[in-house]
Amino acid sequence: MKNSSDRILTTHVGSLARPPEILELMRARETRRAHDAEALASQVRQSVQTVVQRQVGIGIDVPSDGEFSKTSFSTYVNDRLSGFDARTPGTR
C-alpha cells in the first residue's frame, strides 16, 4: 500500500462515465438481449486500462477501475450472488 509522510495521497472512489460501447453491451446484458459477452469483457479490460492510465497521468496516487464492469450499484449483487429475484412492489 502506498503511503506518504510528505503529502496527502489522492484516490478516486465511485463510478466514472463509461464509454458508449460498454454501455450498449451492458444494457443488452442487463435486459437479457443478445450480446457478445467476449466483446463486453474485452471492452471493459481495455477501458479500465485506459482510465487507470489517465488517473496515473494526472497524478492520482491510488487509481481505480471506475466501476466500469458494474452495471449499477443496485443490480451488481445479481452478478455476484445467486438466489435474488425481482418482485413487483407490493407483492410477496
PDB file of N, CA and C in Angstrom:
ATOM      1  N   MET A   1       0.833  -1.172   0.000  1.00  0.00           N
ATOM      2  CA  MET A   1       0.000   0.000   0.000  1.00  0.00           C
ATOM      3  C   MET A   1       0.880   1.237   0.000  1.00  0.00           C
ATOM      4  N   LYS A   2       0.503   2.201  -0.818  1.00  0.00           N
ATOM      5  CA  LYS A   2       1.259   3.455  -0.851  1.00  0.00           C
ATOM      6  C   LYS A   2       0.997   4.259   0.414  1.00  0.00           C
ATOM      7  N   ASN A   3       2.029   4.965   0.865  1.00  0.00           N
ATOM      8  CA  ASN A   3       1.852   5.914   1.954  1.00  0.00           C
ATOM      9  C   ASN A   3       2.828   7.055   1.770  1.00  0.00           C
ATOM     10  N   SER A   4       2.563   8.152   2.459  1.00  0.00           N
ATOM     11  CA  SER A   4       3.414   9.325   2.330  1.00  0.00           C
ATOM     12  C   SER A   4       3.383  10.120   3.618  1.00  0.00           C
ATOM     13  N   SER A   5       4.541  10.595   4.034  1.00  0.00           N
ATOM     14  CA  SER A   5       4.595  11.486   5.191  1.00  0.00           C
ATOM     15  C   SER A   5       4.743  12.929   4.728  1.00  0.00           C
ATOM     16  N   ASP A   6       4.845  13.141   3.400  1.00  0.00           N
ATOM     17  CA  ASP A   6       5.040  14.481   2.855  1.00  0.00           C
ATOM     18  C   ASP A   6       3.766  15.146   2.348  1.00  0.00           C
ATOM     19  N   ARG A   7       2.757  14.335   1.986  1.00  0.00           N
ATOM     20  CA  ARG A   7       1.527  14.904   1.429  1.00  0.00           C
ATOM     21  C   ARG A   7       0.382  13.918   1.567  1.00  0.00           C
ATOM     22  N   ILE A   8      -0.812  14.407   1.342  1.00  0.00           N
ATOM     23  CA  ILE A   8      -1.993  13.549   1.370  1.00  0.00           C
ATOM     24  C   ILE A   8      -2.108  12.861   0.013  1.00  0.00           C
ATOM     25  N   LEU A   9      -2.176  11.548   0.031  1.00  0.00           N
ATOM     26  CA  LEU A   9      -2.323  10.795  -1.214  1.00  0.00           C
ATOM     27  C   LEU A   9      -3.747  10.942  -1.745  1.00  0.00           C
ATOM     28  N   THR A  10      -3.864  10.957  -3.059  1.00  0.00           N
ATOM     29  CA  THR A  10      -5.173  11.103  -3.689  1.00  0.00           C
ATOM     30  C   THR A  10      -5.650   9.786  -4.276  1.00  0.00           C
ATOM     31  N   THR A  11      -6.958   9.619  -4.288  1.00  0.00           N
ATOM     32  CA  THR A  11      -7.574   8.447  -4.886  1.00  0.00           C
ATOM     33  C   THR A  11      -8.917   8.853  -5.464  1.00  0.00           C
ATOM     34  N   HIS A  12      -9.580   7.901  -6.058  1.00  0.00           N
ATOM     35  CA  HIS A  12     -10.913   8.136  -6.601  1.00  0.00           C
ATOM     36  C   HIS A  12     -11.793   6.981  -6.165  1.00  0.00           C
ATOM     37  N   VAL A  13     -12.992   7.307  -5.717  1.00  0.00           N
ATOM     38  CA  VAL A  13     -13.946   6.277  -5.318  1.00  0.00           C
ATOM     39  C   VAL A  13     -15.245   6.555  -6.059  1.00  0.00           C
ATOM     40  N   GLY A  14     -15.795   5.531  -6.661  1.00  0.00           N
ATOM     41  CA  GLY A  14     -17.089   5.688  -7.317  1.00  0.00           C
ATOM     42  C   GLY A  14     -17.018   5.478  -8.809  1.00  0.00           C
ATOM     43  N   SER A  15     -18.163   5.673  -9.424  1.00  0.00           N
ATOM     44  CA  SER A  15     -18.326   5.432 -10.853  1.00  0.00           C
ATOM     45  C   SER A  15     -17.784   6.577 -11.690  1.00  0.00           C
ATOM     46  N   LEU A  16     -17.125   6.221 -12.764  1.00  0.00           N
ATOM     47  CA  LEU A  16     -16.731   7.190 -13.786  1.00  0.00           C
ATOM     48  C   LEU A  16     -17.604   6.921 -15.012  1.00  0.00           C
ATOM     49  N   ALA A  17     -17.756   7.911 -15.852  1.00  0.00           N
ATOM     50  CA  ALA A  17     -18.571   7.752 -17.057  1.00  0.00           C
ATOM     51  C   ALA A  17     -17.969   6.658 -17.938  1.00  0.00           C
ATOM     52  N   ARG A  18     -18.807   5.716 -18.318  1.00  0.00           N
ATOM     53  CA  ARG A  18     -18.351   4.603 -19.153  1.00  0.00           C
ATOM     54  C   ARG A  18     -18.433   4.980 -20.621  1.00  0.00           C
ATOM     55  N   PRO A  19     -17.546   4.418 -21.428  1.00  0.00           N
ATOM     56  CA  PRO A  19     -17.609   4.647 -22.870  1.00  0.00           C
ATOM     57  C   PRO A  19     -18.926   4.099 -23.432  1.00  0.00           C
ATOM     58  N   PRO A  20     -19.469   4.734 -24.477  1.00  0.00           N
ATOM     59  CA  PRO A  20     -20.758   4.308 -25.052  1.00  0.00           C
ATOM     60  C   PRO A  20     -20.800   2.841 -25.468  1.00  0.00           C
ATOM     61  N   GLU A  21     -19.697   2.318 -25.993  1.00  0.00           N
ATOM     62  CA  GLU A  21     -19.708   0.921 -26.438  1.00  0.00           C
ATOM     63  C   GLU A  21     -19.893  -0.048 -25.275  1.00  0.00           C
ATOM     64  N   ILE A  22     -19.372   0.299 -24.107  1.00  0.00           N
ATOM     65  CA  ILE A  22     -19.586  -0.537 -22.925  1.00  0.00           C
ATOM     66  C   ILE A  22     -21.033  -0.430 -22.473  1.00  0.00           C
ATOM     67  N   LEU A  23     -21.551   0.787 -22.439  1.00  0.00           N
ATOM     68  CA  LEU A  23     -22.933   0.982 -22.006  1.00  0.00           C
ATOM     69  C   LEU A  23     -23.911   0.189 -22.859  1.00  0.00           C
ATOM     70  N   GLU A  24     -23.709   0.209 -24.166  1.00  0.00           N
ATOM     71  CA  GLU A  24     -24.602  -0.510 -25.077  1.00  0.00           C
ATOM     72  C   GLU A  24     -24.598  -2.011 -24.784  1.00  0.00           C
ATOM     73  N   LEU A  25     -23.410  -2.579 -24.630  1.00  0.00           N
ATOM     74  CA  LEU A  25     -23.300  -4.012 -24.342  1.00  0.00           C
ATOM     75  C   LEU A  25     -23.846  -4.350 -22.959  1.00  0.00           C
ATOM     76  N   MET A  26     -23.633  -3.468 -21.978  1.00  0.00           N
ATOM     77  CA  MET A  26     -24.144  -3.709 -20.631  1.00  0.00           C
ATOM     78  C   MET A  26     -25.671  -3.663 -20.605  1.00  0.00           C
ATOM     79  N   ARG A  27     -26.246  -2.726 -21.336  1.00  0.00           N
ATOM     80  CA  ARG A  27     -27.708  -2.650 -21.392  1.00  0.00           C
ATOM     81  C   ARG A  27     -28.283  -3.925 -22.008  1.00  0.00           C
ATOM     82  N   ALA A  28     -27.633  -4.413 -23.050  1.00  0.00           N
ATOM     83  CA  ALA A  28     -28.092  -5.651 -23.692  1.00  0.00           C
ATOM     84  C   ALA A  28     -28.004  -6.810 -22.700  1.00  0.00           C
ATOM     85  N   ARG A  29     -26.903  -6.904 -21.967  1.00  0.00           N
ATOM     86  CA  ARG A  29     -26.746  -7.984 -20.986  1.00  0.00           C
ATOM     87  C   ARG A  29     -27.793  -7.862 -19.876  1.00  0.00           C
ATOM     88  N   GLU A  30     -27.981  -6.646 -19.391  1.00  0.00           N
ATOM     89  CA  GLU A  30     -28.909  -6.403 -18.283  1.00  0.00           C
ATOM     90  C   GLU A  30     -30.353  -6.747 -18.654  1.00  0.00           C
ATOM     91  N   THR A  31     -30.720  -6.494 -19.902  1.00  0.00           N
ATOM     92  CA  THR A  31     -32.092  -6.768 -20.351  1.00  0.00           C
ATOM     93  C   THR A  31     -32.213  -8.133 -21.019  1.00  0.00           C
ATOM     94  N   ARG A  32     -31.144  -8.908 -20.910  1.00  0.00           N
ATOM     95  CA  ARG A  32     -31.095 -10.273 -21.448  1.00  0.00           C
ATOM     96  C   ARG A  32     -31.312 -10.331 -22.958  1.00  0.00           C
ATOM     97  N   ARG A  33     -30.847  -9.277 -23.648  1.00  0.00           N
ATOM     98  CA  ARG A  33     -30.861  -9.305 -25.114  1.00  0.00           C
ATOM     99  C   ARG A  33     -29.563  -9.942 -25.592  1.00  0.00           C
ATOM    100  N   ALA A  34     -29.577 -10.390 -26.831  1.00  0.00           N
ATOM    101  CA  ALA A  34     -28.374 -10.996 -27.406  1.00  0.00           C
ATOM    102  C   ALA A  34     -27.238  -9.974 -27.393  1.00  0.00           C
ATOM    103  N   HIS A  35     -26.071 -10.425 -26.960  1.00  0.00           N
ATOM    104  CA  HIS A  35     -24.885  -9.564 -26.952  1.00  0.00           C
ATOM    105  C   HIS A  35     -23.641 -10.444 -26.964  1.00  0.00           C
ATOM    106  N   ASP A  36     -22.538  -9.839 -27.283  1.00  0.00           N
ATOM    107  CA  ASP A  36     -21.265 -10.550 -27.342  1.00  0.00           C
ATOM    108  C   ASP A  36     -20.552 -10.392 -25.996  1.00  0.00           C
ATOM    109  N   ALA A  37     -20.632 -11.416 -25.157  1.00  0.00           N
ATOM    110  CA  ALA A  37     -20.041 -11.357 -23.818  1.00  0.00           C
ATOM    111  C   ALA A  37     -18.525 -11.177 -23.878  1.00  0.00           C
ATOM    112  N   GLU A  38     -17.873 -11.803 -24.873  1.00  0.00           N
ATOM    113  CA  GLU A  38     -16.424 -11.637 -25.023  1.00  0.00           C
ATOM    114  C   GLU A  38     -16.070 -10.200 -25.388  1.00  0.00           C
ATOM    115  N   ALA A  39     -16.877  -9.592 -26.249  1.00  0.00           N
ATOM    116  CA  ALA A  39     -16.635  -8.193 -26.636  1.00  0.00           C
ATOM    117  C   ALA A  39     -16.799  -7.280 -25.430  1.00  0.00           C
ATOM    118  N   LEU A  40     -17.801  -7.548 -24.610  1.00  0.00           N
ATOM    119  CA  LEU A  40     -18.000  -6.745 -23.404  1.00  0.00           C
ATOM    120  C   LEU A  40     -16.798  -6.877 -22.480  1.00  0.00           C
ATOM    121  N   ALA A  41     -16.358  -8.092 -22.216  1.00  0.00           N
ATOM    122  CA  ALA A  41     -15.202  -8.310 -21.331  1.00  0.00           C
ATOM    123  C   ALA A  41     -13.961  -7.620 -21.880  1.00  0.00           C
ATOM    124  N   SER A  42     -13.760  -7.703 -23.183  1.00  0.00           N
ATOM    125  CA  SER A  42     -12.605  -7.068 -23.817  1.00  0.00           C
ATOM    126  C   SER A  42     -12.690  -5.548 -23.708  1.00  0.00           C
ATOM    127  N   GLN A  43     -13.860  -4.997 -23.970  1.00  0.00           N
ATOM    128  CA  GLN A  43     -14.054  -3.544 -23.871  1.00  0.00           C
ATOM    129  C   GLN A  43     -13.827  -3.061 -22.442  1.00  0.00           C
ATOM    130  N   VAL A  44     -14.320  -3.819 -21.473  1.00  0.00           N
ATOM    131  CA  VAL A  44     -14.128  -3.439 -20.072  1.00  0.00           C
ATOM    132  C   VAL A  44     -12.638  -3.444 -19.728  1.00  0.00           C
ATOM    133  N   ARG A  45     -11.932  -4.520 -20.098  1.00  0.00           N
ATOM    134  CA  ARG A  45     -10.482  -4.595 -19.806  1.00  0.00           C
ATOM    135  C   ARG A  45      -9.743  -3.408 -20.431  1.00  0.00           C
ATOM    136  N   GLN A  46     -10.017  -3.157 -21.688  1.00  0.00           N
ATOM    137  CA  GLN A  46      -9.336  -2.077 -22.399  1.00  0.00           C
ATOM    138  C   GLN A  46      -9.672  -0.707 -21.790  1.00  0.00           C
ATOM    139  N   SER A  47     -10.930  -0.499 -21.466  1.00  0.00           N
ATOM    140  CA  SER A  47     -11.340   0.784 -20.901  1.00  0.00           C
ATOM    141  C   SER A  47     -10.794   1.001 -19.497  1.00  0.00           C
ATOM    142  N   VAL A  48     -10.735  -0.068 -18.698  1.00  0.00           N
ATOM    143  CA  VAL A  48     -10.154   0.045 -17.361  1.00  0.00           C
ATOM    144  C   VAL A  48      -8.678   0.417 -17.476  1.00  0.00           C
ATOM    145  N   GLN A  49      -7.971  -0.226 -18.384  1.00  0.00           N
ATOM    146  CA  GLN A  49      -6.561   0.096 -18.584  1.00  0.00           C
ATOM    147  C   GLN A  49      -6.398   1.570 -18.954  1.00  0.00           C
ATOM    148  N   THR A  50      -7.226   2.052 -19.852  1.00  0.00           N
ATOM    149  CA  THR A  50      -7.154   3.451 -20.289  1.00  0.00           C
ATOM    150  C   THR A  50      -7.466   4.410 -19.144  1.00  0.00           C
ATOM    151  N   VAL A  51      -8.528   4.124 -18.387  1.00  0.00           N
ATOM    152  CA  VAL A  51      -8.921   5.043 -17.317  1.00  0.00           C
ATOM    153  C   VAL A  51      -7.902   5.042 -16.183  1.00  0.00           C
ATOM    154  N   VAL A  52      -7.302   3.894 -15.900  1.00  0.00           N
ATOM    155  CA  VAL A  52      -6.258   3.846 -14.865  1.00  0.00           C
ATOM    156  C   VAL A  52      -5.038   4.644 -15.328  1.00  0.00           C
ATOM    157  N   GLN A  53      -4.645   4.481 -16.581  1.00  0.00           N
ATOM    158  CA  GLN A  53      -3.511   5.252 -17.116  1.00  0.00           C
ATOM    159  C   GLN A  53      -3.786   6.754 -17.048  1.00  0.00           C
ATOM    160  N   ARG A  54      -5.011   7.152 -17.341  1.00  0.00           N
ATOM    161  CA  ARG A  54      -5.359   8.578 -17.275  1.00  0.00           C
ATOM    162  C   ARG A  54      -5.265   9.100 -15.846  1.00  0.00           C
ATOM    163  N   GLN A  55      -5.748   8.296 -14.884  1.00  0.00           N
ATOM    164  CA  GLN A  55      -5.679   8.713 -13.487  1.00  0.00           C
ATOM    165  C   GLN A  55      -4.229   8.860 -13.036  1.00  0.00           C
ATOM    166  N   VAL A  56      -3.401   7.900 -13.391  1.00  0.00           N
ATOM    167  CA  VAL A  56      -1.981   7.975 -13.039  1.00  0.00           C
ATOM    168  C   VAL A  56      -1.350   9.197 -13.700  1.00  0.00           C
ATOM    169  N   GLY A  57      -1.714   9.437 -14.954  1.00  0.00           N
ATOM    170  CA  GLY A  57      -1.159  10.560 -15.695  1.00  0.00           C
ATOM    171  C   GLY A  57      -1.477  11.922 -15.095  1.00  0.00           C
ATOM    172  N   ILE A  58      -2.626  12.038 -14.428  1.00  0.00           N
ATOM    173  CA  ILE A  58      -2.968  13.334 -13.821  1.00  0.00           C
ATOM    174  C   ILE A  58      -2.568  13.412 -12.355  1.00  0.00           C
ATOM    175  N   GLY A  59      -1.932  12.341 -11.854  1.00  0.00           N
ATOM    176  CA  GLY A  59      -1.385  12.399 -10.502  1.00  0.00           C
ATOM    177  C   GLY A  59      -2.191  11.702  -9.426  1.00  0.00           C
ATOM    178  N   ILE A  60      -3.197  10.932  -9.800  1.00  0.00           N
ATOM    179  CA  ILE A  60      -3.927  10.148  -8.793  1.00  0.00           C
ATOM    180  C   ILE A  60      -2.976   9.072  -8.275  1.00  0.00           C
ATOM    181  N   ASP A  61      -2.810   9.029  -6.956  1.00  0.00           N
ATOM    182  CA  ASP A  61      -1.864   8.089  -6.372  1.00  0.00           C
ATOM    183  C   ASP A  61      -2.387   6.656  -6.343  1.00  0.00           C
ATOM    184  N   VAL A  62      -3.664   6.503  -6.070  1.00  0.00           N
ATOM    185  CA  VAL A  62      -4.275   5.182  -5.980  1.00  0.00           C
ATOM    186  C   VAL A  62      -5.460   5.160  -6.950  1.00  0.00           C
ATOM    187  N   PRO A  63      -5.219   4.766  -8.200  1.00  0.00           N
ATOM    188  CA  PRO A  63      -6.295   4.787  -9.202  1.00  0.00           C
ATOM    189  C   PRO A  63      -7.308   3.671  -8.974  1.00  0.00           C
ATOM    190  N   SER A  64      -8.468   3.805  -9.620  1.00  0.00           N
ATOM    191  CA  SER A  64      -9.492   2.771  -9.524  1.00  0.00           C
ATOM    192  C   SER A  64      -9.990   2.393 -10.919  1.00  0.00           C
ATOM    193  N   ASP A  65     -10.788   1.337 -10.971  1.00  0.00           N
ATOM    194  CA  ASP A  65     -11.336   0.884 -12.252  1.00  0.00           C
ATOM    195  C   ASP A  65     -12.545   1.698 -12.688  1.00  0.00           C
ATOM    196  N   GLY A  66     -12.970   2.664 -11.878  1.00  0.00           N
ATOM    197  CA  GLY A  66     -14.111   3.497 -12.224  1.00  0.00           C
ATOM    198  C   GLY A  66     -15.425   2.747 -12.211  1.00  0.00           C
ATOM    199  N   GLU A  67     -15.401   1.522 -11.676  1.00  0.00           N
ATOM    200  CA  GLU A  67     -16.570   0.650 -11.635  1.00  0.00           C
ATOM    201  C   GLU A  67     -17.116   0.352 -13.031  1.00  0.00           C
ATOM    202  N   PHE A  68     -16.226   0.303 -14.017  1.00  0.00           N
ATOM    203  CA  PHE A  68     -16.645   0.080 -15.404  1.00  0.00           C
ATOM    204  C   PHE A  68     -17.359  -1.251 -15.594  1.00  0.00           C
ATOM    205  N   SER A  69     -16.998  -2.270 -14.838  1.00  0.00           N
ATOM    206  CA  SER A  69     -17.589  -3.589 -15.047  1.00  0.00           C
ATOM    207  C   SER A  69     -18.938  -3.757 -14.361  1.00  0.00           C
ATOM    208  N   LYS A  70     -19.321  -2.807 -13.520  1.00  0.00           N
ATOM    209  CA  LYS A  70     -20.565  -2.915 -12.770  1.00  0.00           C
ATOM    210  C   LYS A  70     -21.673  -2.135 -13.469  1.00  0.00           C
ATOM    211  N   THR A  71     -22.793  -2.798 -13.725  1.00  0.00           N
ATOM    212  CA  THR A  71     -23.906  -2.137 -14.390  1.00  0.00           C
ATOM    213  C   THR A  71     -24.453  -1.018 -13.527  1.00  0.00           C
ATOM    214  N   SER A  72     -24.735  -1.312 -12.283  1.00  0.00           N
ATOM    215  CA  SER A  72     -25.187  -0.295 -11.338  1.00  0.00           C
ATOM    216  C   SER A  72     -25.002  -0.840  -9.931  1.00  0.00           C
ATOM    217  N   PHE A  73     -24.997   0.059  -8.993  1.00  0.00           N
ATOM    218  CA  PHE A  73     -24.815  -0.343  -7.599  1.00  0.00           C
ATOM    219  C   PHE A  73     -25.933  -1.286  -7.162  1.00  0.00           C
ATOM    220  N   SER A  74     -27.168  -0.968  -7.546  1.00  0.00           N
ATOM    221  CA  SER A  74     -28.301  -1.745  -7.057  1.00  0.00           C
ATOM    222  C   SER A  74     -28.446  -3.109  -7.725  1.00  0.00           C
ATOM    223  N   THR A  75     -27.889  -3.307  -8.923  1.00  0.00           N
ATOM    224  CA  THR A  75     -28.017  -4.607  -9.582  1.00  0.00           C
ATOM    225  C   THR A  75     -26.715  -5.408  -9.577  1.00  0.00           C
ATOM    226  N   TYR A  76     -25.640  -4.826  -9.085  1.00  0.00           N
ATOM    227  CA  TYR A  76     -24.356  -5.516  -9.061  1.00  0.00           C
ATOM    228  C   TYR A  76     -24.423  -6.813  -8.275  1.00  0.00           C
ATOM    229  N   VAL A  77     -25.223  -6.825  -7.219  1.00  0.00           N
ATOM    230  CA  VAL A  77     -25.346  -8.029  -6.394  1.00  0.00           C
ATOM    231  C   VAL A  77     -25.804  -9.213  -7.233  1.00  0.00           C
ATOM    232  N   ASN A  78     -26.646  -8.992  -8.240  1.00  0.00           N
ATOM    233  CA  ASN A  78     -27.135 -10.090  -9.081  1.00  0.00           C
ATOM    234  C   ASN A  78     -26.022 -10.727  -9.901  1.00  0.00           C
ATOM    235  N   ASP A  79     -24.976  -9.973 -10.209  1.00  0.00           N
ATOM    236  CA  ASP A  79     -23.842 -10.512 -10.947  1.00  0.00           C
ATOM    237  C   ASP A  79     -22.918 -11.332 -10.059  1.00  0.00           C
ATOM    238  N   ARG A  80     -22.964 -11.096  -8.759  1.00  0.00           N
ATOM    239  CA  ARG A  80     -22.022 -11.723  -7.844  1.00  0.00           C
ATOM    240  C   ARG A  80     -22.619 -12.824  -6.967  1.00  0.00           C
ATOM    241  N   LEU A  81     -23.939 -12.757  -6.733  1.00  0.00           N
ATOM    242  CA  LEU A  81     -24.596 -13.707  -5.841  1.00  0.00           C
ATOM    243  C   LEU A  81     -25.809 -14.314  -6.537  1.00  0.00           C
ATOM    244  N   SER A  82     -26.244 -15.455  -6.068  1.00  0.00           N
ATOM    245  CA  SER A  82     -27.441 -16.069  -6.634  1.00  0.00           C
ATOM    246  C   SER A  82     -28.541 -16.088  -5.581  1.00  0.00           C
ATOM    247  N   GLY A  83     -29.756 -16.386  -6.043  1.00  0.00           N
ATOM    248  CA  GLY A  83     -30.876 -16.509  -5.122  1.00  0.00           C
ATOM    249  C   GLY A  83     -31.715 -15.258  -4.996  1.00  0.00           C
ATOM    250  N   PHE A  84     -31.426 -14.226  -5.771  1.00  0.00           N
ATOM    251  CA  PHE A  84     -32.197 -12.993  -5.721  1.00  0.00           C
ATOM    252  C   PHE A  84     -33.172 -12.964  -6.887  1.00  0.00           C
ATOM    253  N   ASP A  85     -34.413 -12.604  -6.613  1.00  0.00           N
ATOM    254  CA  ASP A  85     -35.430 -12.488  -7.654  1.00  0.00           C
ATOM    255  C   ASP A  85     -36.048 -11.101  -7.614  1.00  0.00           C
ATOM    256  N   ALA A  86     -36.379 -10.580  -8.783  1.00  0.00           N
ATOM    257  CA  ALA A  86     -37.069  -9.292  -8.840  1.00  0.00           C
ATOM    258  C   ALA A  86     -38.526  -9.502  -8.504  1.00  0.00           C
ATOM    259  N   ARG A  87     -39.101  -8.554  -7.759  1.00  0.00           N
ATOM    260  CA  ARG A  87     -40.515  -8.613  -7.420  1.00  0.00           C
ATOM    261  C   ARG A  87     -41.166  -7.278  -7.734  1.00  0.00           C
ATOM    262  N   THR A  88     -42.431  -7.348  -8.050  1.00  0.00           N
ATOM    263  CA  THR A  88     -43.207  -6.135  -8.260  1.00  0.00           C
ATOM    264  C   THR A  88     -43.509  -5.542  -6.895  1.00  0.00           C
ATOM    265  N   PRO A  89     -43.320  -4.224  -6.718  1.00  0.00           N
ATOM    266  CA  PRO A  89     -43.611  -3.613  -5.411  1.00  0.00           C
ATOM    267  C   PRO A  89     -45.026  -3.941  -4.951  1.00  0.00           C
ATOM    268  N   GLY A  90     -45.185  -4.256  -3.671  1.00  0.00           N
ATOM    269  CA  GLY A  90     -46.481  -4.554  -3.099  1.00  0.00           C
ATOM    270  C   GLY A  90     -46.876  -6.019  -3.151  1.00  0.00           C
ATOM    271  N   THR A  91     -46.044  -6.861  -3.764  1.00  0.00           N
ATOM    272  CA  THR A  91     -46.344  -8.287  -3.815  1.00  0.00           C
ATOM    273  C   THR A  91     -45.411  -9.044  -2.875  1.00  0.00           C
ATOM    274  N   ARG A  92     -45.801 -10.247  -2.527  1.00  0.00           N
ATOM    275  CA  ARG A  92     -44.953 -11.071  -1.654  1.00  0.00           C
ATOM    276  C   ARG A  92     -44.657 -12.379  -2.281  1.00  0.00           C
TER     277      ARG A  92
END
